[in-house]
Amino acid sequence: MGEKILKYYEFAQREGGIQAKMRLAIKTTLSSDRALFAPDSPEILDKFKVAVKEITGKEAPVF
């Protein structure tokens, strides 16, 4: 569970450092620790894709 979500956290951190990772947690209301136990549902993944683009300015990768 949460494998794809964690990849979005990794991408955000690579692109914008720890600040981007923290902003992703705030925007999605799902911390990286809790992401381990969250389902990779289409709704959650869409939320992360939108947030990643807003934070990094780049299209979110497809996992």
C-alpha atoms as a PDB file:
ATOM      1  CA  MET A   1       0.000   0.000   0.000  1.00  0.00           C
ATOM      2  CA  GLY A   2       1.112   3.532  -0.670  1.00  0.00           C
ATOM      3  CA  GLU A   3       4.038   2.587  -2.899  1.00  0.00           C
ATOM      4  CA  LYS A   4       3.065   5.030  -5.653  1.00  0.00           C
ATOM      5  CA  ILE A   5       2.328   7.778  -3.145  1.00  0.00           C
ATOM      6  CA  LEU A   6       5.813   7.416  -1.687  1.00  0.00           C
ATOM      7  CA  LYS A   7       7.279   7.753  -5.177  1.00  0.00           C
ATOM      8  CA  TYR A   8       5.585  11.151  -5.458  1.00  0.00           C
ATOM      9  CA  TYR A   9       7.221  12.149  -2.181  1.00  0.00           C
ATOM     10  CA  GLU A  10      10.606  11.039  -3.535  1.00  0.00           C
ATOM     11  CA  PHE A  11      10.041  12.985  -6.758  1.00  0.00           C
ATOM     12  CA  ALA A  12       9.035  16.145  -4.894  1.00  0.00           C
ATOM     13  CA  GLN A  13      12.093  15.918  -2.665  1.00  0.00           C
ATOM     14  CA  ARG A  14      14.443  15.411  -5.636  1.00  0.00           C
ATOM     15  CA  GLU A  15      12.959  18.415  -7.407  1.00  0.00           C
ATOM     16  CA  GLY A  16      12.569  20.818  -4.502  1.00  0.00           C
ATOM     17  CA  GLY A  17      14.234  19.435  -1.410  1.00  0.00           C
ATOM     18  CA  ILE A  18      12.692  18.842   1.971  1.00  0.00           C
ATOM     19  CA  GLN A  19      10.565  21.996   1.612  1.00  0.00           C
ATOM     20  CA  ALA A  20       8.771  20.495  -1.391  1.00  0.00           C
ATOM     21  CA  LYS A  21       8.217  17.264   0.486  1.00  0.00           C
ATOM     22  CA  MET A  22       6.705  19.150   3.408  1.00  0.00           C
ATOM     23  CA  ARG A  23       4.481  21.224   1.102  1.00  0.00           C
ATOM     24  CA  LEU A  24       3.257  18.002  -0.504  1.00  0.00           C
ATOM     25  CA  ALA A  25       2.230  16.664   2.898  1.00  0.00           C
ATOM     26  CA  ILE A  26       0.395  19.896   3.694  1.00  0.00           C
ATOM     27  CA  LYS A  27      -1.397  20.121   0.333  1.00  0.00           C
ATOM     28  CA  THR A  28      -2.490  16.480   0.331  1.00  0.00           C
ATOM     29  CA  THR A  29      -3.131  16.175   4.077  1.00  0.00           C
ATOM     30  CA  LEU A  30      -1.293  12.865   4.020  1.00  0.00           C
ATOM     31  CA  SER A  31       2.166  12.659   5.572  1.00  0.00           C
ATOM     32  CA  SER A  32       4.810  10.412   4.076  1.00  0.00           C
ATOM     33  CA  ASP A  33       4.667   8.253   7.221  1.00  0.00           C
ATOM     34  CA  ARG A  34       0.927   7.705   6.849  1.00  0.00           C
ATOM     35  CA  ALA A  35       1.304   7.171   3.100  1.00  0.00           C
ATOM     36  CA  LEU A  36       2.777   3.749   3.820  1.00  0.00           C
ATOM     37  CA  PHE A  37      -0.648   2.610   4.999  1.00  0.00           C
ATOM     38  CA  ALA A  38      -2.837   4.527   2.543  1.00  0.00           C
ATOM     39  CA  PRO A  39      -4.241   2.824  -0.535  1.00  0.00           C
ATOM     40  CA  ASP A  40      -2.962   3.907  -3.943  1.00  0.00           C
ATOM     41  CA  SER A  41      -6.499   4.783  -4.976  1.00  0.00           C
ATOM     42  CA  PRO A  42      -7.130   6.820  -8.136  1.00  0.00           C
ATOM     43  CA  GLU A  43      -8.542   9.697  -6.074  1.00  0.00           C
ATOM     44  CA  ILE A  44      -5.490   9.948  -3.838  1.00  0.00           C
ATOM     45  CA  LEU A  45      -3.075   9.601  -6.752  1.00  0.00           C
ATOM     46  CA  ASP A  46      -4.879  12.375  -8.647  1.00  0.00           C
ATOM     47  CA  LYS A  47      -4.600  14.607  -5.591  1.00  0.00           C
ATOM     48  CA  PHE A  48      -0.851  13.951  -5.451  1.00  0.00           C
ATOM     49  CA  LYS A  49      -0.360  14.557  -9.178  1.00  0.00           C
ATOM     50  CA  VAL A  50      -2.016  17.967  -8.954  1.00  0.00           C
ATOM     51  CA  ALA A  51      -0.041  18.914  -5.830  1.00  0.00           C
ATOM     52  CA  VAL A  52       3.281  17.774  -7.321  1.00  0.00           C
ATOM     53  CA  LYS A  53       2.714  19.934 -10.389  1.00  0.00           C
ATOM     54  CA  GLU A  54       1.798  22.958  -8.269  1.00  0.00           C
ATOM     55  CA  ILE A  55       4.835  22.525  -6.040  1.00  0.00           C
ATOM     56  CA  THR A  56       7.513  21.607  -8.578  1.00  0.00           C
ATOM     57  CA  GLY A  57       6.123  23.228 -11.705  1.00  0.00           C
ATOM     58  CA  LYS A  58       6.660  19.934 -13.520  1.00  0.00           C
ATOM     59  CA  GLU A  59       4.238  17.265 -14.646  1.00  0.00           C
ATOM     60  CA  ALA A  60       4.012  14.494 -12.094  1.00  0.00           C
ATOM     61  CA  PRO A  61       5.494  11.236 -13.343  1.00  0.00           C
ATOM     62  CA  VAL A  62       3.187   8.312 -13.979  1.00  0.00           C
ATOM     63  CA  PHE A  63       3.930   5.315 -11.789  1.00  0.00           C
END
